[in-house]
PDB file of N, CA and C in Angstrom:
ATOM      1  N   MET A   1     -26.060 -12.003  12.073  1.00  0.00           N
ATOM      2  CA  MET A   1     -25.441 -11.718  10.866  1.00  0.00           C
ATOM      3  C   MET A   1     -24.268 -12.916  10.735  1.00  0.00           C
ATOM      4  N   LYS A   2     -24.464 -13.775  10.832  1.00  0.00           N
ATOM      5  CA  LYS A   2     -23.396 -14.840  10.949  1.00  0.00           C
ATOM      6  C   LYS A   2     -23.074 -14.734   9.171  1.00  0.00           C
ATOM      7  N   GLY A   3     -21.492 -14.465   9.015  1.00  0.00           N
ATOM      8  CA  GLY A   3     -20.864 -14.651   7.916  1.00  0.00           C
ATOM      9  C   GLY A   3     -21.286 -12.906   6.903  1.00  0.00           C
ATOM     10  N   ARG A   4     -21.800 -12.387   7.585  1.00  0.00           N
ATOM     11  CA  ARG A   4     -21.935 -11.292   6.723  1.00  0.00           C
ATOM     12  C   ARG A   4     -20.981 -10.124   7.759  1.00  0.00           C
ATOM     13  N   TYR A   5     -20.537  -9.176   6.949  1.00  0.00           N
ATOM     14  CA  TYR A   5     -19.550  -8.120   7.544  1.00  0.00           C
ATOM     15  C   TYR A   5     -20.573  -6.779   7.008  1.00  0.00           C
ATOM     16  N   VAL A   6     -20.191  -5.969   8.131  1.00  0.00           N
ATOM     17  CA  VAL A   6     -21.194  -4.579   8.153  1.00  0.00           C
ATOM     18  C   VAL A   6     -19.949  -3.475   8.217  1.00  0.00           C
ATOM     19  N   ARG A   7     -20.186  -2.829   7.255  1.00  0.00           N
ATOM     20  CA  ARG A   7     -18.734  -1.561   7.110  1.00  0.00           C
ATOM     21  C   ARG A   7     -19.491  -0.610   8.049  1.00  0.00           C
ATOM     22  N   LEU A   8     -18.496  -0.235   8.893  1.00  0.00           N
ATOM     23  CA  LEU A   8     -18.538   1.236   9.597  1.00  0.00           C
ATOM     24  C   LEU A   8     -18.513   2.505   9.018  1.00  0.00           C
ATOM     25  N   THR A   9     -19.722   3.147   9.196  1.00  0.00           N
ATOM     26  CA  THR A   9     -19.822   4.567   8.371  1.00  0.00           C
ATOM     27  C   THR A   9     -19.313   5.641   9.153  1.00  0.00           C
ATOM     28  N   GLU A  10     -19.130   5.521  10.477  1.00  0.00           N
ATOM     29  CA  GLU A  10     -18.971   6.741  11.098  1.00  0.00           C
ATOM     30  C   GLU A  10     -18.334   6.189  12.252  1.00  0.00           C
ATOM     31  N   PRO A  11     -17.541   6.808  13.170  1.00  0.00           N
ATOM     32  CA  PRO A  11     -16.462   6.180  14.196  1.00  0.00           C
ATOM     33  C   PRO A  11     -17.479   6.231  15.346  1.00  0.00           C
ATOM     34  N   LEU A  12     -17.230   5.192  16.285  1.00  0.00           N
ATOM     35  CA  LEU A  12     -17.948   4.645  17.481  1.00  0.00           C
ATOM     36  C   LEU A  12     -16.968   4.840  18.805  1.00  0.00           C
ATOM     37  N   VAL A  13     -17.642   5.217  20.016  1.00  0.00           N
ATOM     38  CA  VAL A  13     -16.713   4.892  20.951  1.00  0.00           C
ATOM     39  C   VAL A  13     -17.585   4.638  22.018  1.00  0.00           C
ATOM     40  N   ARG A  14     -16.933   3.810  23.051  1.00  0.00           N
ATOM     41  CA  ARG A  14     -17.429   3.485  24.277  1.00  0.00           C
ATOM     42  C   ARG A  14     -17.927   3.877  25.301  1.00  0.00           C
ATOM     43  N   ASP A  15     -18.819   4.108  25.623  1.00  0.00           N
ATOM     44  CA  ASP A  15     -19.505   4.601  27.121  1.00  0.00           C
ATOM     45  C   ASP A  15     -20.077   4.013  27.662  1.00  0.00           C
ATOM     46  N   GLY A  16     -19.970   3.578  29.260  1.00  0.00           N
ATOM     47  CA  GLY A  16     -20.517   2.345  29.781  1.00  0.00           C
ATOM     48  C   GLY A  16     -20.788   0.702  29.511  1.00  0.00           C
ATOM     49  N   GLY A  17     -19.310   0.564  28.865  1.00  0.00           N
ATOM     50  CA  GLY A  17     -19.584  -0.539  28.053  1.00  0.00           C
ATOM     51  C   GLY A  17     -20.208  -0.805  26.957  1.00  0.00           C
ATOM     52  N   ARG A  18     -21.072   0.142  26.162  1.00  0.00           N
ATOM     53  CA  ARG A  18     -21.850   0.743  25.103  1.00  0.00           C
ATOM     54  C   ARG A  18     -21.301   1.269  24.185  1.00  0.00           C
ATOM     55  N   LEU A  19     -21.222   0.917  22.560  1.00  0.00           N
ATOM     56  CA  LEU A  19     -20.549   1.555  21.716  1.00  0.00           C
ATOM     57  C   LEU A  19     -21.630   2.680  21.232  1.00  0.00           C
ATOM     58  N   ARG A  20     -21.208   3.955  20.935  1.00  0.00           N
ATOM     59  CA  ARG A  20     -22.285   4.473  20.414  1.00  0.00           C
ATOM     60  C   ARG A  20     -21.578   5.722  19.220  1.00  0.00           C
ATOM     61  N   PRO A  21     -22.486   6.149  18.184  1.00  0.00           N
ATOM     62  CA  PRO A  21     -21.881   6.953  17.334  1.00  0.00           C
ATOM     63  C   PRO A  21     -21.279   8.497  18.059  1.00  0.00           C
ATOM     64  N   ALA A  22     -20.011   8.663  17.026  1.00  0.00           N
ATOM     65  CA  ALA A  22     -19.367   9.801  17.937  1.00  0.00           C
ATOM     66  C   ALA A  22     -18.935  10.698  16.456  1.00  0.00           C
ATOM     67  N   THR A  23     -18.973  11.543  16.583  1.00  0.00           N
ATOM     68  CA  THR A  23     -18.210  12.770  15.625  1.00  0.00           C
ATOM     69  C   THR A  23     -16.641  12.317  15.519  1.00  0.00           C
ATOM     70  N   TRP A  24     -15.995  12.741  14.121  1.00  0.00           N
ATOM     71  CA  TRP A  24     -14.431  12.062  14.518  1.00  0.00           C
ATOM     72  C   TRP A  24     -13.536  12.966  15.386  1.00  0.00           C
ATOM     73  N   ASP A  25     -13.809  14.507  15.503  1.00  0.00           N
ATOM     74  CA  ASP A  25     -13.047  15.186  16.646  1.00  0.00           C
ATOM     75  C   ASP A  25     -13.486  14.218  17.815  1.00  0.00           C
ATOM     76  N   GLU A  26     -14.045  13.804  18.471  1.00  0.00           N
ATOM     77  CA  GLU A  26     -14.282  13.080  19.374  1.00  0.00           C
ATOM     78  C   GLU A  26     -13.717  11.537  19.515  1.00  0.00           C
ATOM     79  N   ALA A  27     -13.881  11.227  18.333  1.00  0.00           N
ATOM     80  CA  ALA A  27     -13.063   9.675  18.360  1.00  0.00           C
ATOM     81  C   ALA A  27     -11.569   9.779  18.499  1.00  0.00           C
ATOM     82  N   LEU A  28     -11.094  11.063  17.754  1.00  0.00           N
ATOM     83  CA  LEU A  28      -9.954  11.353  17.859  1.00  0.00           C
ATOM     84  C   LEU A  28      -9.138  11.488  19.033  1.00  0.00           C
ATOM     85  N   ASP A  29      -9.977  12.425  19.617  1.00  0.00           N
ATOM     86  CA  ASP A  29      -9.598  12.667  21.211  1.00  0.00           C
ATOM     87  C   ASP A  29      -9.657  11.774  21.939  1.00  0.00           C
ATOM     88  N   ARG A  30     -10.549  10.702  21.811  1.00  0.00           N
ATOM     89  CA  ARG A  30     -10.250   9.660  22.537  1.00  0.00           C
ATOM     90  C   ARG A  30      -9.196   8.681  22.489  1.00  0.00           C
ATOM     91  N   ALA A  31      -8.693   8.525  21.135  1.00  0.00           N
ATOM     92  CA  ALA A  31      -7.732   7.799  20.946  1.00  0.00           C
ATOM     93  C   ALA A  31      -6.388   8.424  21.203  1.00  0.00           C
ATOM     94  N   ALA A  32      -6.497  10.114  21.133  1.00  0.00           N
ATOM     95  CA  ALA A  32      -5.171  10.554  21.644  1.00  0.00           C
ATOM     96  C   ALA A  32      -5.032  10.563  23.197  1.00  0.00           C
ATOM     97  N   GLN A  33      -6.241  10.539  23.548  1.00  0.00           N
ATOM     98  CA  GLN A  33      -6.285  10.479  25.200  1.00  0.00           C
ATOM     99  C   GLN A  33      -5.608   9.154  25.702  1.00  0.00           C
ATOM    100  N   GLY A  34      -6.416   8.134  24.993  1.00  0.00           N
ATOM    101  CA  GLY A  34      -5.795   6.638  25.329  1.00  0.00           C
ATOM    102  C   GLY A  34      -4.425   6.518  24.997  1.00  0.00           C
ATOM    103  N   PHE A  35      -3.564   6.794  24.227  1.00  0.00           N
ATOM    104  CA  PHE A  35      -2.150   7.414  23.902  1.00  0.00           C
ATOM    105  C   PHE A  35      -1.811   7.762  24.918  1.00  0.00           C
ATOM    106  N   ARG A  36      -1.994   8.843  25.076  1.00  0.00           N
ATOM    107  CA  ARG A  36      -1.495   9.692  26.258  1.00  0.00           C
ATOM    108  C   ARG A  36      -1.456   9.123  27.893  1.00  0.00           C
ATOM    109  N   ALA A  37      -2.528   8.166  28.075  1.00  0.00           N
ATOM    110  CA  ALA A  37      -2.568   7.551  29.296  1.00  0.00           C
ATOM    111  C   ALA A  37      -1.661   6.442  29.409  1.00  0.00           C
ATOM    112  N   ALA A  38      -1.579   5.569  28.581  1.00  0.00           N
ATOM    113  CA  ALA A  38      -0.676   4.430  28.369  1.00  0.00           C
ATOM    114  C   ALA A  38       0.781   5.006  28.306  1.00  0.00           C
ATOM    115  N   ILE A  39       0.899   5.831  27.582  1.00  0.00           N
ATOM    116  CA  ILE A  39       2.753   6.442  27.786  1.00  0.00           C
ATOM    117  C   ILE A  39       2.852   7.015  29.384  1.00  0.00           C
ATOM    118  N   ASP A  40       1.964   8.119  30.057  1.00  0.00           N
ATOM    119  CA  ASP A  40       2.046   8.462  30.870  1.00  0.00           C
ATOM    120  C   ASP A  40       2.112   7.518  32.262  1.00  0.00           C
ATOM    121  N   ARG A  41       1.494   6.149  32.051  1.00  0.00           N
ATOM    122  CA  ARG A  41       1.298   5.267  32.837  1.00  0.00           C
ATOM    123  C   ARG A  41       2.402   4.229  32.839  1.00  0.00           C
ATOM    124  N   HIS A  42       2.921   3.777  31.771  1.00  0.00           N
ATOM    125  CA  HIS A  42       3.787   2.713  31.357  1.00  0.00           C
ATOM    126  C   HIS A  42       4.967   3.251  30.406  1.00  0.00           C
ATOM    127  N   GLY A  43       5.024   4.731  30.127  1.00  0.00           N
ATOM    128  CA  GLY A  43       6.277   5.098  29.669  1.00  0.00           C
ATOM    129  C   GLY A  43       6.162   4.709  27.987  1.00  0.00           C
ATOM    130  N   PRO A  44       7.223   5.538  26.914  1.00  0.00           N
ATOM    131  CA  PRO A  44       6.555   5.373  25.317  1.00  0.00           C
ATOM    132  C   PRO A  44       7.259   4.127  25.143  1.00  0.00           C
ATOM    133  N   THR A  45       7.872   3.234  25.661  1.00  0.00           N
ATOM    134  CA  THR A  45       8.059   2.196  25.158  1.00  0.00           C
ATOM    135  C   THR A  45       6.919   0.975  25.206  1.00  0.00           C
ATOM    136  N   SER A  46       5.855   1.379  25.965  1.00  0.00           N
ATOM    137  CA  SER A  46       4.813   0.304  26.028  1.00  0.00           C
ATOM    138  C   SER A  46       4.071   0.552  24.634  1.00  0.00           C
ATOM    139  N   PHE A  47       4.404   1.496  23.600  1.00  0.00           N
ATOM    140  CA  PHE A  47       3.841   1.790  22.473  1.00  0.00           C
ATOM    141  C   PHE A  47       4.515   0.953  21.406  1.00  0.00           C
ATOM    142  N   GLY A  48       3.477   0.422  20.710  1.00  0.00           N
ATOM    143  CA  GLY A  48       4.424  -0.246  19.373  1.00  0.00           C
ATOM    144  C   GLY A  48       3.556  -0.078  18.486  1.00  0.00           C
ATOM    145  N   LEU A  49       4.206  -0.026  17.172  1.00  0.00           N
ATOM    146  CA  LEU A  49       3.300   0.169  15.785  1.00  0.00           C
ATOM    147  C   LEU A  49       3.874  -1.165  14.789  1.00  0.00           C
ATOM    148  N   PHE A  50       2.768  -1.330  13.950  1.00  0.00           N
ATOM    149  CA  PHE A  50       3.085  -2.303  13.056  1.00  0.00           C
ATOM    150  C   PHE A  50       2.307  -1.710  11.553  1.00  0.00           C
ATOM    151  N   SER A  51       3.567  -1.850  10.509  1.00  0.00           N
ATOM    152  CA  SER A  51       3.199  -1.042   9.374  1.00  0.00           C
ATOM    153  C   SER A  51       3.110  -2.150   8.168  1.00  0.00           C
ATOM    154  N   CYS A  52       2.814  -1.973   7.373  1.00  0.00           N
ATOM    155  CA  CYS A  52       2.313  -2.828   6.067  1.00  0.00           C
ATOM    156  C   CYS A  52       3.480  -2.465   4.864  1.00  0.00           C
ATOM    157  N   SER A  53       3.741  -3.274   4.080  1.00  0.00           N
ATOM    158  CA  SER A  53       4.489  -3.312   2.780  1.00  0.00           C
ATOM    159  C   SER A  53       3.626  -3.240   1.841  1.00  0.00           C
ATOM    160  N   LYS A  54       2.174  -3.370   1.914  1.00  0.00           N
ATOM    161  CA  LYS A  54       1.248  -2.439   0.681  1.00  0.00           C
ATOM    162  C   LYS A  54       0.921  -1.191   0.989  1.00  0.00           C
ATOM    163  N   ALA A  55       1.167  -0.428   1.908  1.00  0.00           N
ATOM    164  CA  ALA A  55       1.149   0.924   2.261  1.00  0.00           C
ATOM    165  C   ALA A  55       2.137   1.391   1.314  1.00  0.00           C
ATOM    166  N   THR A  56       1.946   2.857   1.158  1.00  0.00           N
ATOM    167  CA  THR A  56       2.868   3.711   0.257  1.00  0.00           C
ATOM    168  C   THR A  56       4.476   3.920   0.815  1.00  0.00           C
ATOM    169  N   ASN A  57       5.358   4.246   0.240  1.00  0.00           N
ATOM    170  CA  ASN A  57       6.527   4.500   1.502  1.00  0.00           C
ATOM    171  C   ASN A  57       6.421   5.918   2.137  1.00  0.00           C
ATOM    172  N   GLU A  58       5.616   6.524   1.490  1.00  0.00           N
ATOM    173  CA  GLU A  58       4.927   7.809   2.233  1.00  0.00           C
ATOM    174  C   GLU A  58       4.052   7.580   3.566  1.00  0.00           C
ATOM    175  N   VAL A  59       3.210   6.624   3.609  1.00  0.00           N
ATOM    176  CA  VAL A  59       2.351   6.406   4.522  1.00  0.00           C
ATOM    177  C   VAL A  59       3.469   5.710   5.739  1.00  0.00           C
ATOM    178  N   ASN A  60       4.408   4.720   5.206  1.00  0.00           N
ATOM    179  CA  ASN A  60       5.022   4.059   6.320  1.00  0.00           C
ATOM    180  C   ASN A  60       6.092   5.023   6.765  1.00  0.00           C
ATOM    181  N   TYR A  61       6.402   5.784   5.970  1.00  0.00           N
ATOM    182  CA  TYR A  61       7.422   6.826   6.521  1.00  0.00           C
ATOM    183  C   TYR A  61       7.000   7.693   7.965  1.00  0.00           C
ATOM    184  N   LEU A  62       5.195   7.979   7.439  1.00  0.00           N
ATOM    185  CA  LEU A  62       4.567   8.811   8.598  1.00  0.00           C
ATOM    186  C   LEU A  62       4.178   8.324   9.610  1.00  0.00           C
ATOM    187  N   ALA A  63       4.128   6.511   9.433  1.00  0.00           N
ATOM    188  CA  ALA A  63       3.764   6.134  10.734  1.00  0.00           C
ATOM    189  C   ALA A  63       5.236   5.658  11.469  1.00  0.00           C
ATOM    190  N   GLN A  64       6.463   5.663  10.903  1.00  0.00           N
ATOM    191  CA  GLN A  64       7.224   5.603  11.871  1.00  0.00           C
ATOM    192  C   GLN A  64       7.913   7.081  12.392  1.00  0.00           C
ATOM    193  N   LYS A  65       7.766   8.086  11.520  1.00  0.00           N
ATOM    194  CA  LYS A  65       7.691   9.343  12.181  1.00  0.00           C
ATOM    195  C   LYS A  65       7.115   9.721  13.278  1.00  0.00           C
ATOM    196  N   PHE A  66       5.241   9.327  13.342  1.00  0.00           N
ATOM    197  CA  PHE A  66       4.581   9.554  14.281  1.00  0.00           C
ATOM    198  C   PHE A  66       5.224   8.742  15.680  1.00  0.00           C
ATOM    199  N   ALA A  67       5.263   7.486  15.360  1.00  0.00           N
ATOM    200  CA  ALA A  67       5.995   6.525  16.622  1.00  0.00           C
ATOM    201  C   ALA A  67       7.115   6.945  17.266  1.00  0.00           C
ATOM    202  N   ARG A  68       8.220   7.533  16.306  1.00  0.00           N
ATOM    203  CA  ARG A  68       9.225   8.336  16.957  1.00  0.00           C
ATOM    204  C   ARG A  68       9.223   9.286  17.731  1.00  0.00           C
ATOM    205  N   THR A  69       8.561  10.323  16.595  1.00  0.00           N
ATOM    206  CA  THR A  69       8.593  12.212  17.238  1.00  0.00           C
ATOM    207  C   THR A  69       7.526  12.054  18.043  1.00  0.00           C
ATOM    208  N   VAL A  70       6.200  11.568  17.984  1.00  0.00           N
ATOM    209  CA  VAL A  70       4.821  12.209  18.436  1.00  0.00           C
ATOM    210  C   VAL A  70       5.062  11.145  20.136  1.00  0.00           C
ATOM    211  N   ILE A  71       5.616   9.954  19.778  1.00  0.00           N
ATOM    212  CA  ILE A  71       5.187   9.031  20.942  1.00  0.00           C
ATOM    213  C   ILE A  71       6.486   8.521  21.586  1.00  0.00           C
ATOM    214  N   GLY A  72       7.364   8.747  20.677  1.00  0.00           N
ATOM    215  CA  GLY A  72       8.787   8.418  21.643  1.00  0.00           C
ATOM    216  C   GLY A  72       9.195   7.019  21.674  1.00  0.00           C
ATOM    217  N   SER A  73       8.735   6.240  21.022  1.00  0.00           N
ATOM    218  CA  SER A  73       9.091   4.863  20.973  1.00  0.00           C
ATOM    219  C   SER A  73       9.825   4.700  19.471  1.00  0.00           C
ATOM    220  N   ASN A  74      10.691   3.631  19.742  1.00  0.00           N
ATOM    221  CA  ASN A  74      11.501   2.861  18.656  1.00  0.00           C
ATOM    222  C   ASN A  74      10.638   1.158  18.413  1.00  0.00           C
ATOM    223  N   ASN A  75       9.719   1.126  18.740  1.00  0.00           N
ATOM    224  CA  ASN A  75       9.037  -0.374  18.339  1.00  0.00           C
ATOM    225  C   ASN A  75       8.105   0.049  17.291  1.00  0.00           C
ATOM    226  N   LEU A  76       8.760  -0.194  16.488  1.00  0.00           N
ATOM    227  CA  LEU A  76       8.244  -0.207  14.994  1.00  0.00           C
ATOM    228  C   LEU A  76       8.667  -1.726  14.359  1.00  0.00           C
ATOM    229  N   ASP A  77       7.447  -2.342  13.605  1.00  0.00           N
ATOM    230  CA  ASP A  77       7.624  -3.490  13.294  1.00  0.00           C
ATOM    231  C   ASP A  77       6.985  -3.373  11.488  1.00  0.00           C
ATOM    232  N   SER A  78       7.198  -4.103  10.775  1.00  0.00           N
ATOM    233  CA  SER A  78       6.713  -4.213   9.203  1.00  0.00           C
ATOM    234  C   SER A  78       6.642  -5.754   8.919  1.00  0.00           C
ATOM    235  N   CYS A  79       5.776  -5.453   8.281  1.00  0.00           N
ATOM    236  CA  CYS A  79       5.808  -6.959   7.084  1.00  0.00           C
ATOM    237  C   CYS A  79       6.700  -7.023   5.949  1.00  0.00           C
ATOM    238  N   ASN A  80       7.067  -6.029   5.770  1.00  0.00           N
ATOM    239  CA  ASN A  80       8.344  -6.021   4.309  1.00  0.00           C
ATOM    240  C   ASN A  80       9.578  -6.791   4.901  1.00  0.00           C
ATOM    241  N   ARG A  81      10.005  -7.082   6.214  1.00  0.00           N
ATOM    242  CA  ARG A  81      10.871  -7.432   6.498  1.00  0.00           C
ATOM    243  C   ARG A  81      10.650  -9.121   6.268  1.00  0.00           C
ATOM    244  N   THR A  82       9.401  -9.649   6.073  1.00  0.00           N
ATOM    245  CA  THR A  82       9.308 -11.150   6.187  1.00  0.00           C
ATOM    246  C   THR A  82       9.509 -11.661   4.657  1.00  0.00           C
TER     247      THR A  82
END
């Protein structure tokens, strides 16, 4: 499919090196487990978040609030400053 893009219509998770369809609950649980494992192993400063100026102020606010409050990291950047 060179030159064509296929839109994902469902979340995918990796099992044994292969991607397979999953429920949203399973995919979000996996993502949360991955964040938690990285934080437990390397500390919250191992997490960084990049936000976009094309997002609304509310979305950017929630992104920084998530990084600071949930993760415990101040490693935030945005294309707003460029």
